Amino acid sequence: MSKINGRFLDVNDPFPEFSVKLATGKTLSLPHGKGEGYGVILFYRGAW
C-alpha cells in the first residue's frame, strides 16, 4: 500500500490530487490528467 499525507491508501480509496512536472517541462495533474479507466503510475528517480 502507498502512504500519502500520513495515511495509507487502501482498496477503493480515491487517488489523491497532485501535479508532477514531466521531463518535457509540461505538468501532469493526477488523477484527472490520465484519462478514463485504470492506470499505473511509476516514479523513477533516475539516479541514486
N, C-alpha and C. Protein backbone atom coordinates (compact mmCIF):
# COMPACT_ATOMS: atom_id res chain seq x y z
N MET A 1 0.84 -1.18 0.00
CA MET A 1 0.00 0.00 0.00
C MET A 1 0.88 1.24 0.00
N SER A 2 0.40 2.31 -0.61
CA SER A 2 1.12 3.58 -0.65
C SER A 2 0.67 4.48 0.49
N LYS A 3 1.60 5.23 1.02
CA LYS A 3 1.28 6.14 2.11
C LYS A 3 1.29 7.57 1.59
N ILE A 4 0.16 8.25 1.68
CA ILE A 4 0.04 9.62 1.22
C ILE A 4 -0.55 10.46 2.35
N ASN A 5 0.08 11.61 2.62
CA ASN A 5 -0.39 12.52 3.67
C ASN A 5 -0.55 11.81 5.01
N GLY A 6 0.37 10.92 5.33
CA GLY A 6 0.34 10.27 6.62
C GLY A 6 -0.64 9.12 6.76
N ARG A 7 -1.33 8.77 5.71
CA ARG A 7 -2.22 7.62 5.80
C ARG A 7 -2.04 6.74 4.58
N PHE A 8 -2.34 5.48 4.74
CA PHE A 8 -2.18 4.51 3.67
C PHE A 8 -3.41 4.49 2.77
N LEU A 9 -3.17 4.33 1.47
CA LEU A 9 -4.28 4.11 0.54
C LEU A 9 -4.68 2.65 0.62
N ASP A 10 -5.95 2.40 0.51
CA ASP A 10 -6.46 1.04 0.57
C ASP A 10 -7.35 0.81 -0.65
N VAL A 11 -7.84 -0.37 -0.81
CA VAL A 11 -8.73 -0.72 -1.91
C VAL A 11 -9.92 0.24 -1.92
N ASN A 12 -10.26 0.74 -3.10
CA ASN A 12 -11.38 1.65 -3.35
C ASN A 12 -11.19 3.06 -2.81
N ASP A 13 -10.02 3.40 -2.26
CA ASP A 13 -9.75 4.78 -1.87
C ASP A 13 -9.53 5.61 -3.13
N PRO A 14 -10.03 6.83 -3.17
CA PRO A 14 -9.76 7.68 -4.33
C PRO A 14 -8.30 8.11 -4.34
N PHE A 15 -7.74 8.22 -5.53
CA PHE A 15 -6.35 8.65 -5.66
C PHE A 15 -6.28 10.13 -5.34
N PRO A 16 -5.35 10.57 -4.49
CA PRO A 16 -5.27 11.99 -4.13
C PRO A 16 -4.85 12.85 -5.32
N GLU A 17 -5.32 14.08 -5.34
CA GLU A 17 -4.98 15.00 -6.43
C GLU A 17 -3.61 15.62 -6.17
N PHE A 18 -2.77 15.63 -7.22
CA PHE A 18 -1.49 16.33 -7.16
C PHE A 18 -0.96 16.51 -8.57
N SER A 19 0.06 17.34 -8.70
CA SER A 19 0.67 17.61 -10.01
C SER A 19 2.13 17.24 -9.99
N VAL A 20 2.62 16.75 -11.12
CA VAL A 20 4.03 16.42 -11.28
C VAL A 20 4.55 17.08 -12.55
N LYS A 21 5.79 17.53 -12.51
CA LYS A 21 6.42 18.12 -13.68
C LYS A 21 7.11 17.02 -14.47
N LEU A 22 6.80 16.92 -15.75
CA LEU A 22 7.37 15.88 -16.61
C LEU A 22 8.72 16.32 -17.17
N ALA A 23 9.48 15.38 -17.69
CA ALA A 23 10.79 15.67 -18.27
C ALA A 23 10.68 16.63 -19.45
N THR A 24 9.51 16.67 -20.09
CA THR A 24 9.30 17.56 -21.24
C THR A 24 9.05 19.00 -20.81
N GLY A 25 8.89 19.22 -19.50
CA GLY A 25 8.60 20.56 -18.99
C GLY A 25 7.12 20.79 -18.75
N LYS A 26 6.28 19.91 -19.27
CA LYS A 26 4.84 20.02 -19.06
C LYS A 26 4.48 19.54 -17.67
N THR A 27 3.28 19.89 -17.21
CA THR A 27 2.79 19.45 -15.91
C THR A 27 1.64 18.49 -16.12
N LEU A 28 1.66 17.39 -15.38
CA LEU A 28 0.58 16.41 -15.42
C LEU A 28 -0.15 16.46 -14.09
N SER A 29 -1.46 16.71 -14.15
CA SER A 29 -2.28 16.72 -12.93
C SER A 29 -2.95 15.37 -12.79
N LEU A 30 -2.76 14.76 -11.64
CA LEU A 30 -3.34 13.44 -11.39
C LEU A 30 -4.43 13.56 -10.34
N PRO A 31 -5.48 12.80 -10.40
CA PRO A 31 -5.74 11.72 -11.34
C PRO A 31 -6.43 12.17 -12.62
N HIS A 32 -6.79 13.44 -12.76
CA HIS A 32 -7.60 13.90 -13.90
C HIS A 32 -6.87 13.85 -15.24
N GLY A 33 -5.55 13.97 -15.25
CA GLY A 33 -4.81 14.01 -16.50
C GLY A 33 -4.53 12.67 -17.13
N LYS A 34 -4.91 11.58 -16.50
CA LYS A 34 -4.58 10.26 -17.03
C LYS A 34 -5.65 9.67 -17.92
N GLY A 35 -6.81 10.27 -17.99
CA GLY A 35 -7.87 9.73 -18.83
C GLY A 35 -8.78 8.79 -18.05
N GLU A 36 -9.55 8.03 -18.76
CA GLU A 36 -10.53 7.11 -18.15
C GLU A 36 -9.92 5.74 -17.90
N GLY A 37 -10.53 5.00 -17.01
CA GLY A 37 -10.14 3.62 -16.77
C GLY A 37 -8.99 3.50 -15.79
N TYR A 38 -8.36 2.33 -15.80
CA TYR A 38 -7.28 2.02 -14.88
C TYR A 38 -5.95 2.55 -15.40
N GLY A 39 -5.02 2.74 -14.50
CA GLY A 39 -3.71 3.20 -14.90
C GLY A 39 -2.66 2.80 -13.88
N VAL A 40 -1.42 2.86 -14.30
CA VAL A 40 -0.29 2.57 -13.43
C VAL A 40 0.60 3.80 -13.42
N ILE A 41 1.02 4.22 -12.24
CA ILE A 41 1.88 5.39 -12.13
C ILE A 41 3.21 4.91 -11.57
N LEU A 42 4.28 5.20 -12.29
CA LEU A 42 5.62 4.78 -11.90
C LEU A 42 6.48 6.02 -11.74
N PHE A 43 7.10 6.16 -10.60
CA PHE A 43 8.03 7.27 -10.35
C PHE A 43 9.44 6.70 -10.41
N TYR A 44 10.25 7.26 -11.29
CA TYR A 44 11.62 6.79 -11.46
C TYR A 44 12.55 7.94 -11.08
N ARG A 45 13.34 7.74 -10.08
CA ARG A 45 14.22 8.79 -9.57
C ARG A 45 15.32 9.13 -10.57
N GLY A 46 15.79 8.20 -11.31
CA GLY A 46 16.79 8.45 -12.34
C GLY A 46 18.21 8.14 -11.91
N ALA A 47 18.64 8.67 -10.80
CA ALA A 47 19.99 8.41 -10.30
C ALA A 47 19.97 8.37 -8.79
N TRP A 48 20.77 7.52 -8.22
CA TRP A 48 20.83 7.41 -6.77
C TRP A 48 22.06 8.11 -6.33
